Amino acid sequence: MSKEKLLDRARDELFSHINRCGVLAAAEEDQRQWMDETIDYIGERYPDLTDVDLQGLHAIGIRFCKPAIAHGADSTAKNLEDATVA
């Protein structure tokens, strides 16, 4: 398998773990600890990934947990007056 496909597979697995484990609702410090442990796990599952690859996955995972537009029902407009028009 090519390095690019391997990295894509690891990234997809990381996103899957993030969505299933409820880490999006966790405190920032807990998210970082969870991400550290999960990246260690990903590194074991994909031993051909370099430390640079794993650091990149860590950064992507942290950004996914703190998006520019918040996740979840609490962040959605409750009615038309709460919504903004671009």
PDB file of N, CA and C in Angstrom:
ATOM      1  N   MET A   1       0.855  -1.179   0.000  1.00  0.00           N
ATOM      2  CA  MET A   1       0.000   0.000   0.000  1.00  0.00           C
ATOM      3  C   MET A   1       0.900   1.239   0.000  1.00  0.00           C
ATOM      4  N   SER A   2       0.513   2.234  -0.789  1.00  0.00           N
ATOM      5  CA  SER A   2       1.314   3.451  -0.867  1.00  0.00           C
ATOM      6  C   SER A   2       1.243   4.227   0.451  1.00  0.00           C
ATOM      7  N   LYS A   3       2.253   5.039   0.663  1.00  0.00           N
ATOM      8  CA  LYS A   3       2.331   5.845   1.890  1.00  0.00           C
ATOM      9  C   LYS A   3       1.103   6.771   2.002  1.00  0.00           C
ATOM     10  N   GLU A   4       0.697   7.349   0.889  1.00  0.00           N
ATOM     11  CA  GLU A   4      -0.454   8.259   0.894  1.00  0.00           C
ATOM     12  C   GLU A   4      -1.732   7.532   1.302  1.00  0.00           C
ATOM     13  N   LYS A   5      -1.945   6.344   0.746  1.00  0.00           N
ATOM     14  CA  LYS A   5      -3.143   5.569   1.093  1.00  0.00           C
ATOM     15  C   LYS A   5      -3.103   5.127   2.552  1.00  0.00           C
ATOM     16  N   LEU A   6      -1.924   4.780   3.035  1.00  0.00           N
ATOM     17  CA  LEU A   6      -1.773   4.376   4.427  1.00  0.00           C
ATOM     18  C   LEU A   6      -2.117   5.540   5.358  1.00  0.00           C
ATOM     19  N   LEU A   7      -1.627   6.708   5.029  1.00  0.00           N
ATOM     20  CA  LEU A   7      -1.915   7.901   5.822  1.00  0.00           C
ATOM     21  C   LEU A   7      -3.400   8.251   5.762  1.00  0.00           C
ATOM     22  N   ASP A   8      -4.008   8.119   4.594  1.00  0.00           N
ATOM     23  CA  ASP A   8      -5.452   8.365   4.459  1.00  0.00           C
ATOM     24  C   ASP A   8      -6.251   7.394   5.316  1.00  0.00           C
ATOM     25  N   ARG A   9      -5.858   6.135   5.310  1.00  0.00           N
ATOM     26  CA  ARG A   9      -6.552   5.119   6.107  1.00  0.00           C
ATOM     27  C   ARG A   9      -6.417   5.424   7.605  1.00  0.00           C
ATOM     28  N   ALA A  10      -5.220   5.809   8.032  1.00  0.00           N
ATOM     29  CA  ALA A  10      -5.000   6.150   9.442  1.00  0.00           C
ATOM     30  C   ALA A  10      -5.823   7.376   9.835  1.00  0.00           C
ATOM     31  N   ARG A  11      -5.880   8.362   8.952  1.00  0.00           N
ATOM     32  CA  ARG A  11      -6.677   9.575   9.225  1.00  0.00           C
ATOM     33  C   ARG A  11      -8.153   9.237   9.347  1.00  0.00           C
ATOM     34  N   ASP A  12      -8.653   8.411   8.432  1.00  0.00           N
ATOM     35  CA  ASP A  12     -10.057   8.018   8.476  1.00  0.00           C
ATOM     36  C   ASP A  12     -10.367   7.255   9.755  1.00  0.00           C
ATOM     37  N   GLU A  13      -9.444   6.403  10.175  1.00  0.00           N
ATOM     38  CA  GLU A  13      -9.639   5.660  11.421  1.00  0.00           C
ATOM     39  C   GLU A  13      -9.644   6.606  12.619  1.00  0.00           C
ATOM     40  N   LEU A  14      -8.761   7.599  12.606  1.00  0.00           N
ATOM     41  CA  LEU A  14      -8.732   8.583  13.687  1.00  0.00           C
ATOM     42  C   LEU A  14     -10.069   9.321  13.770  1.00  0.00           C
ATOM     43  N   PHE A  15     -10.586   9.792  12.642  1.00  0.00           N
ATOM     44  CA  PHE A  15     -11.870  10.499  12.637  1.00  0.00           C
ATOM     45  C   PHE A  15     -12.995   9.593  13.126  1.00  0.00           C
ATOM     46  N   SER A  16     -12.948   8.340  12.749  1.00  0.00           N
ATOM     47  CA  SER A  16     -13.954   7.388  13.211  1.00  0.00           C
ATOM     48  C   SER A  16     -13.906   7.247  14.729  1.00  0.00           C
ATOM     49  N   HIS A  17     -12.700   7.135  15.275  1.00  0.00           N
ATOM     50  CA  HIS A  17     -12.554   7.034  16.733  1.00  0.00           C
ATOM     51  C   HIS A  17     -13.078   8.294  17.418  1.00  0.00           C
ATOM     52  N   ILE A  18     -12.746   9.452  16.858  1.00  0.00           N
ATOM     53  CA  ILE A  18     -13.198  10.715  17.442  1.00  0.00           C
ATOM     54  C   ILE A  18     -14.725  10.749  17.501  1.00  0.00           C
ATOM     55  N   ASN A  19     -15.371  10.386  16.422  1.00  0.00           N
ATOM     56  CA  ASN A  19     -16.835  10.437  16.369  1.00  0.00           C
ATOM     57  C   ASN A  19     -17.494   9.412  17.275  1.00  0.00           C
ATOM     58  N   ARG A  20     -16.910   8.240  17.412  1.00  0.00           N
ATOM     59  CA  ARG A  20     -17.518   7.180  18.229  1.00  0.00           C
ATOM     60  C   ARG A  20     -17.267   7.355  19.718  1.00  0.00           C
ATOM     61  N   CYS A  21     -16.149   7.957  20.103  1.00  0.00           N
ATOM     62  CA  CYS A  21     -15.747   7.974  21.505  1.00  0.00           C
ATOM     63  C   CYS A  21     -16.300   9.151  22.300  1.00  0.00           C
ATOM     64  N   GLY A  22     -16.976  10.068  21.676  1.00  0.00           N
ATOM     65  CA  GLY A  22     -17.558  11.189  22.399  1.00  0.00           C
ATOM     66  C   GLY A  22     -16.551  12.225  22.863  1.00  0.00           C
ATOM     67  N   VAL A  23     -15.363  12.209  22.295  1.00  0.00           N
ATOM     68  CA  VAL A  23     -14.322  13.142  22.720  1.00  0.00           C
ATOM     69  C   VAL A  23     -14.652  14.582  22.339  1.00  0.00           C
ATOM     70  N   LEU A  24     -15.544  14.778  21.387  1.00  0.00           N
ATOM     71  CA  LEU A  24     -15.915  16.133  20.983  1.00  0.00           C
ATOM     72  C   LEU A  24     -16.560  16.913  22.123  1.00  0.00           C
ATOM     73  N   ALA A  25     -17.213  16.205  23.038  1.00  0.00           N
ATOM     74  CA  ALA A  25     -17.884  16.859  24.164  1.00  0.00           C
ATOM     75  C   ALA A  25     -16.979  16.988  25.386  1.00  0.00           C
ATOM     76  N   ALA A  26     -15.758  16.486  25.307  1.00  0.00           N
ATOM     77  CA  ALA A  26     -14.846  16.498  26.453  1.00  0.00           C
ATOM     78  C   ALA A  26     -14.164  17.858  26.606  1.00  0.00           C
ATOM     79  N   ALA A  27     -13.631  18.087  27.792  1.00  0.00           N
ATOM     80  CA  ALA A  27     -12.856  19.302  28.052  1.00  0.00           C
ATOM     81  C   ALA A  27     -11.584  19.271  27.208  1.00  0.00           C
ATOM     82  N   GLU A  28     -11.023  20.437  26.908  1.00  0.00           N
ATOM     83  CA  GLU A  28      -9.850  20.528  26.039  1.00  0.00           C
ATOM     84  C   GLU A  28      -8.677  19.691  26.556  1.00  0.00           C
ATOM     85  N   GLU A  29      -8.420  19.734  27.845  1.00  0.00           N
ATOM     86  CA  GLU A  29      -7.312  18.952  28.421  1.00  0.00           C
ATOM     87  C   GLU A  29      -7.555  17.453  28.236  1.00  0.00           C
ATOM     88  N   ASP A  30      -8.790  17.015  28.432  1.00  0.00           N
ATOM     89  CA  ASP A  30      -9.133  15.606  28.231  1.00  0.00           C
ATOM     90  C   ASP A  30      -9.016  15.215  26.755  1.00  0.00           C
ATOM     91  N   GLN A  31      -9.381  16.136  25.872  1.00  0.00           N
ATOM     92  CA  GLN A  31      -9.239  15.873  24.440  1.00  0.00           C
ATOM     93  C   GLN A  31      -7.775  15.647  24.078  1.00  0.00           C
ATOM     94  N   ARG A  32      -6.902  16.481  24.620  1.00  0.00           N
ATOM     95  CA  ARG A  32      -5.470  16.352  24.313  1.00  0.00           C
ATOM     96  C   ARG A  32      -4.914  15.026  24.834  1.00  0.00           C
ATOM     97  N   GLN A  33      -5.298  14.656  26.044  1.00  0.00           N
ATOM     98  CA  GLN A  33      -4.839  13.386  26.595  1.00  0.00           C
ATOM     99  C   GLN A  33      -5.368  12.224  25.758  1.00  0.00           C
ATOM    100  N   TRP A  34      -6.638  12.274  25.416  1.00  0.00           N
ATOM    101  CA  TRP A  34      -7.246  11.232  24.588  1.00  0.00           C
ATOM    102  C   TRP A  34      -6.537  11.148  23.245  1.00  0.00           C
ATOM    103  N   MET A  35      -6.257  12.315  22.649  1.00  0.00           N
ATOM    104  CA  MET A  35      -5.605  12.347  21.339  1.00  0.00           C
ATOM    105  C   MET A  35      -4.196  11.764  21.428  1.00  0.00           C
ATOM    106  N   ASP A  36      -3.452  12.092  22.483  1.00  0.00           N
ATOM    107  CA  ASP A  36      -2.109  11.532  22.669  1.00  0.00           C
ATOM    108  C   ASP A  36      -2.166  10.005  22.698  1.00  0.00           C
ATOM    109  N   GLU A  37      -3.092   9.468  23.477  1.00  0.00           N
ATOM    110  CA  GLU A  37      -3.218   8.019  23.609  1.00  0.00           C
ATOM    111  C   GLU A  37      -3.688   7.379  22.300  1.00  0.00           C
ATOM    112  N   THR A  38      -4.595   8.029  21.610  1.00  0.00           N
ATOM    113  CA  THR A  38      -5.123   7.485  20.362  1.00  0.00           C
ATOM    114  C   THR A  38      -4.062   7.510  19.263  1.00  0.00           C
ATOM    115  N   ILE A  39      -3.266   8.556  19.217  1.00  0.00           N
ATOM    116  CA  ILE A  39      -2.194   8.623  18.219  1.00  0.00           C
ATOM    117  C   ILE A  39      -1.143   7.551  18.511  1.00  0.00           C
ATOM    118  N   ASP A  40      -0.871   7.283  19.783  1.00  0.00           N
ATOM    119  CA  ASP A  40       0.030   6.168  20.126  1.00  0.00           C
ATOM    120  C   ASP A  40      -0.524   4.860  19.576  1.00  0.00           C
ATOM    121  N   TYR A  41      -1.826   4.654  19.746  1.00  0.00           N
ATOM    122  CA  TYR A  41      -2.493   3.459  19.234  1.00  0.00           C
ATOM    123  C   TYR A  41      -2.406   3.395  17.703  1.00  0.00           C
ATOM    124  N   ILE A  42      -2.684   4.517  17.040  1.00  0.00           N
ATOM    125  CA  ILE A  42      -2.614   4.567  15.577  1.00  0.00           C
ATOM    126  C   ILE A  42      -1.184   4.236  15.128  1.00  0.00           C
ATOM    127  N   GLY A  43      -0.198   4.733  15.851  1.00  0.00           N
ATOM    128  CA  GLY A  43       1.197   4.444  15.520  1.00  0.00           C
ATOM    129  C   GLY A  43       1.517   2.959  15.614  1.00  0.00           C
ATOM    130  N   GLU A  44       0.897   2.279  16.581  1.00  0.00           N
ATOM    131  CA  GLU A  44       1.086   0.836  16.704  1.00  0.00           C
ATOM    132  C   GLU A  44       0.379   0.095  15.570  1.00  0.00           C
ATOM    133  N   ARG A  45      -0.798   0.564  15.192  1.00  0.00           N
ATOM    134  CA  ARG A  45      -1.554  -0.087  14.111  1.00  0.00           C
ATOM    135  C   ARG A  45      -0.918   0.129  12.746  1.00  0.00           C
ATOM    136  N   TYR A  46      -0.276   1.270  12.584  1.00  0.00           N
ATOM    137  CA  TYR A  46       0.345   1.629  11.309  1.00  0.00           C
ATOM    138  C   TYR A  46       1.833   1.921  11.533  1.00  0.00           C
ATOM    139  N   PRO A  47       2.645   0.886  11.732  1.00  0.00           N
ATOM    140  CA  PRO A  47       4.060   1.086  12.077  1.00  0.00           C
ATOM    141  C   PRO A  47       4.876   1.740  10.962  1.00  0.00           C
ATOM    142  N   ASP A  48       4.370   1.766   9.737  1.00  0.00           N
ATOM    143  CA  ASP A  48       5.105   2.401   8.642  1.00  0.00           C
ATOM    144  C   ASP A  48       4.964   3.922   8.644  1.00  0.00           C
ATOM    145  N   LEU A  49       4.070   4.461   9.469  1.00  0.00           N
ATOM    146  CA  LEU A  49       3.943   5.919   9.570  1.00  0.00           C
ATOM    147  C   LEU A  49       5.101   6.473  10.394  1.00  0.00           C
ATOM    148  N   THR A  50       5.618   7.599   9.963  1.00  0.00           N
ATOM    149  CA  THR A  50       6.728   8.235  10.666  1.00  0.00           C
ATOM    150  C   THR A  50       6.203   9.090  11.816  1.00  0.00           C
ATOM    151  N   ASP A  51       7.119   9.556  12.651  1.00  0.00           N
ATOM    152  CA  ASP A  51       6.734  10.468  13.731  1.00  0.00           C
ATOM    153  C   ASP A  51       6.119  11.742  13.168  1.00  0.00           C
ATOM    154  N   VAL A  52       6.632  12.203  12.041  1.00  0.00           N
ATOM    155  CA  VAL A  52       6.072  13.405  11.397  1.00  0.00           C
ATOM    156  C   VAL A  52       4.635  13.147  10.950  1.00  0.00           C
ATOM    157  N   ASP A  53       4.382  11.964  10.390  1.00  0.00           N
ATOM    158  CA  ASP A  53       3.019  11.594   9.988  1.00  0.00           C
ATOM    159  C   ASP A  53       2.089  11.599  11.193  1.00  0.00           C
ATOM    160  N   LEU A  54       2.542  11.002  12.286  1.00  0.00           N
ATOM    161  CA  LEU A  54       1.724  10.910  13.497  1.00  0.00           C
ATOM    162  C   LEU A  54       1.482  12.284  14.113  1.00  0.00           C
ATOM    163  N   GLN A  55       2.490  13.147  14.070  1.00  0.00           N
ATOM    164  CA  GLN A  55       2.307  14.513  14.571  1.00  0.00           C
ATOM    165  C   GLN A  55       1.271  15.261  13.731  1.00  0.00           C
ATOM    166  N   GLY A  56       1.309  15.024  12.422  1.00  0.00           N
ATOM    167  CA  GLY A  56       0.318  15.640  11.539  1.00  0.00           C
ATOM    168  C   GLY A  56      -1.085  15.145  11.842  1.00  0.00           C
ATOM    169  N   LEU A  57      -1.222  13.833  12.087  1.00  0.00           N
ATOM    170  CA  LEU A  57      -2.525  13.279  12.456  1.00  0.00           C
ATOM    171  C   LEU A  57      -3.008  13.862  13.777  1.00  0.00           C
ATOM    172  N   HIS A  58      -2.099  14.031  14.716  1.00  0.00           N
ATOM    173  CA  HIS A  58      -2.444  14.618  16.016  1.00  0.00           C
ATOM    174  C   HIS A  58      -3.002  16.030  15.808  1.00  0.00           C
ATOM    175  N   ALA A  59      -2.304  16.822  15.003  1.00  0.00           N
ATOM    176  CA  ALA A  59      -2.736  18.206  14.742  1.00  0.00           C
ATOM    177  C   ALA A  59      -4.098  18.235  14.049  1.00  0.00           C
ATOM    178  N   ILE A  60      -4.295  17.363  13.077  1.00  0.00           N
ATOM    179  CA  ILE A  60      -5.587  17.296  12.375  1.00  0.00           C
ATOM    180  C   ILE A  60      -6.694  16.896  13.341  1.00  0.00           C
ATOM    181  N   GLY A  61      -6.411  15.933  14.210  1.00  0.00           N
ATOM    182  CA  GLY A  61      -7.400  15.486  15.185  1.00  0.00           C
ATOM    183  C   GLY A  61      -7.799  16.582  16.155  1.00  0.00           C
ATOM    184  N   ILE A  62      -6.819  17.326  16.633  1.00  0.00           N
ATOM    185  CA  ILE A  62      -7.105  18.432  17.564  1.00  0.00           C
ATOM    186  C   ILE A  62      -7.934  19.501  16.862  1.00  0.00           C
ATOM    187  N   ARG A  63      -7.582  19.825  15.619  1.00  0.00           N
ATOM    188  CA  ARG A  63      -8.366  20.819  14.868  1.00  0.00           C
ATOM    189  C   ARG A  63      -9.790  20.327  14.631  1.00  0.00           C
ATOM    190  N   PHE A  64      -9.948  19.044  14.378  1.00  0.00           N
ATOM    191  CA  PHE A  64     -11.282  18.483  14.175  1.00  0.00           C
ATOM    192  C   PHE A  64     -12.121  18.603  15.441  1.00  0.00           C
ATOM    193  N   CYS A  65     -11.486  18.485  16.597  1.00  0.00           N
ATOM    194  CA  CYS A  65     -12.197  18.592  17.874  1.00  0.00           C
ATOM    195  C   CYS A  65     -12.571  20.040  18.204  1.00  0.00           C
ATOM    196  N   LYS A  66     -11.902  21.001  17.607  1.00  0.00           N
ATOM    197  CA  LYS A  66     -12.167  22.423  17.846  1.00  0.00           C
ATOM    198  C   LYS A  66     -12.419  23.140  16.527  1.00  0.00           C
ATOM    199  N   PRO A  67     -13.513  22.823  15.848  1.00  0.00           N
ATOM    200  CA  PRO A  67     -13.767  23.430  14.530  1.00  0.00           C
ATOM    201  C   PRO A  67     -14.169  24.897  14.645  1.00  0.00           C
ATOM    202  N   ALA A  68     -14.074  25.591  13.535  1.00  0.00           N
ATOM    203  CA  ALA A  68     -14.486  26.999  13.490  1.00  0.00           C
ATOM    204  C   ALA A  68     -15.980  27.128  13.771  1.00  0.00           C
ATOM    205  N   ILE A  69     -16.751  26.158  13.318  1.00  0.00           N
ATOM    206  CA  ILE A  69     -18.182  26.107  13.607  1.00  0.00           C
ATOM    207  C   ILE A  69     -18.395  24.925  14.542  1.00  0.00           C
ATOM    208  N   ALA A  70     -18.951  25.189  15.703  1.00  0.00           N
ATOM    209  CA  ALA A  70     -19.078  24.174  16.745  1.00  0.00           C
ATOM    210  C   ALA A  70     -19.928  22.989  16.306  1.00  0.00           C
ATOM    211  N   HIS A  71     -19.610  21.805  16.895  1.00  0.00           N
ATOM    212  CA  HIS A  71     -20.374  20.579  16.650  1.00  0.00           C
ATOM    213  C   HIS A  71     -21.631  20.566  17.523  1.00  0.00           C
ATOM    214  N   GLY A  72     -22.605  19.814  17.123  1.00  0.00           N
ATOM    215  CA  GLY A  72     -23.714  19.476  17.999  1.00  0.00           C
ATOM    216  C   GLY A  72     -24.942  20.342  17.896  1.00  0.00           C
ATOM    217  N   ALA A  73     -25.993  19.861  18.542  1.00  0.00           N
ATOM    218  CA  ALA A  73     -27.293  20.520  18.507  1.00  0.00           C
ATOM    219  C   ALA A  73     -27.280  21.863  19.225  1.00  0.00           C
ATOM    220  N   ASP A  74     -26.451  22.007  20.261  1.00  0.00           N
ATOM    221  CA  ASP A  74     -26.409  23.265  21.007  1.00  0.00           C
ATOM    222  C   ASP A  74     -25.896  24.418  20.158  1.00  0.00           C
ATOM    223  N   SER A  75     -25.194  24.115  19.092  1.00  0.00           N
ATOM    224  CA  SER A  75     -24.606  25.169  18.279  1.00  0.00           C
ATOM    225  C   SER A  75     -25.439  25.504  17.046  1.00  0.00           C
ATOM    226  N   THR A  76     -26.566  24.849  16.867  1.00  0.00           N
ATOM    227  CA  THR A  76     -27.388  25.115  15.685  1.00  0.00           C
ATOM    228  C   THR A  76     -28.428  26.190  15.995  1.00  0.00           C
ATOM    229  N   ALA A  77     -28.864  26.862  14.949  1.00  0.00           N
ATOM    230  CA  ALA A  77     -29.897  27.886  15.114  1.00  0.00           C
ATOM    231  C   ALA A  77     -31.201  27.210  15.519  1.00  0.00           C
ATOM    232  N   LYS A  78     -31.865  27.767  16.535  1.00  0.00           N
ATOM    233  CA  LYS A  78     -33.120  27.193  17.019  1.00  0.00           C
ATOM    234  C   LYS A  78     -34.309  27.616  16.159  1.00  0.00           C
ATOM    235  N   ASN A  79     -34.182  28.773  15.549  1.00  0.00           N
ATOM    236  CA  ASN A  79     -35.249  29.222  14.663  1.00  0.00           C
ATOM    237  C   ASN A  79     -34.655  30.162  13.613  1.00  0.00           C
ATOM    238  N   LEU A  80     -35.475  30.644  12.721  1.00  0.00           N
ATOM    239  CA  LEU A  80     -34.993  31.479  11.630  1.00  0.00           C
ATOM    240  C   LEU A  80     -34.332  32.762  12.127  1.00  0.00           C
ATOM    241  N   GLU A  81     -34.819  33.315  13.230  1.00  0.00           N
ATOM    242  CA  GLU A  81     -34.241  34.561  13.736  1.00  0.00           C
ATOM    243  C   GLU A  81     -32.828  34.371  14.267  1.00  0.00           C
ATOM    244  N   ASP A  82     -32.495  33.145  14.713  1.00  0.00           N
ATOM    245  CA  ASP A  82     -31.151  32.874  15.227  1.00  0.00           C
ATOM    246  C   ASP A  82     -30.142  32.638  14.109  1.00  0.00           C
ATOM    247  N   ALA A  83     -30.616  32.317  12.915  1.00  0.00           N
ATOM    248  CA  ALA A  83     -29.740  32.018  11.803  1.00  0.00           C
ATOM    249  C   ALA A  83     -29.238  33.313  11.181  1.00  0.00           C
ATOM    250  N   THR A  84     -28.018  33.279  10.660  1.00  0.00           N
ATOM    251  CA  THR A  84     -27.488  34.429   9.960  1.00  0.00           C
ATOM    252  C   THR A  84     -27.480  34.128   8.472  1.00  0.00           C
ATOM    253  N   VAL A  85     -27.618  35.136   7.684  1.00  0.00           N
ATOM    254  CA  VAL A  85     -27.623  34.980   6.249  1.00  0.00           C
ATOM    255  C   VAL A  85     -26.309  35.510   5.717  1.00  0.00           C
ATOM    256  N   ALA A  86     -25.661  34.729   4.883  1.00  0.00           N
ATOM    257  CA  ALA A  86     -24.360  35.137   4.337  1.00  0.00           C
ATOM    258  C   ALA A  86     -24.529  36.094   3.193  1.00  0.00           C
TER     259      ALA A  86
END
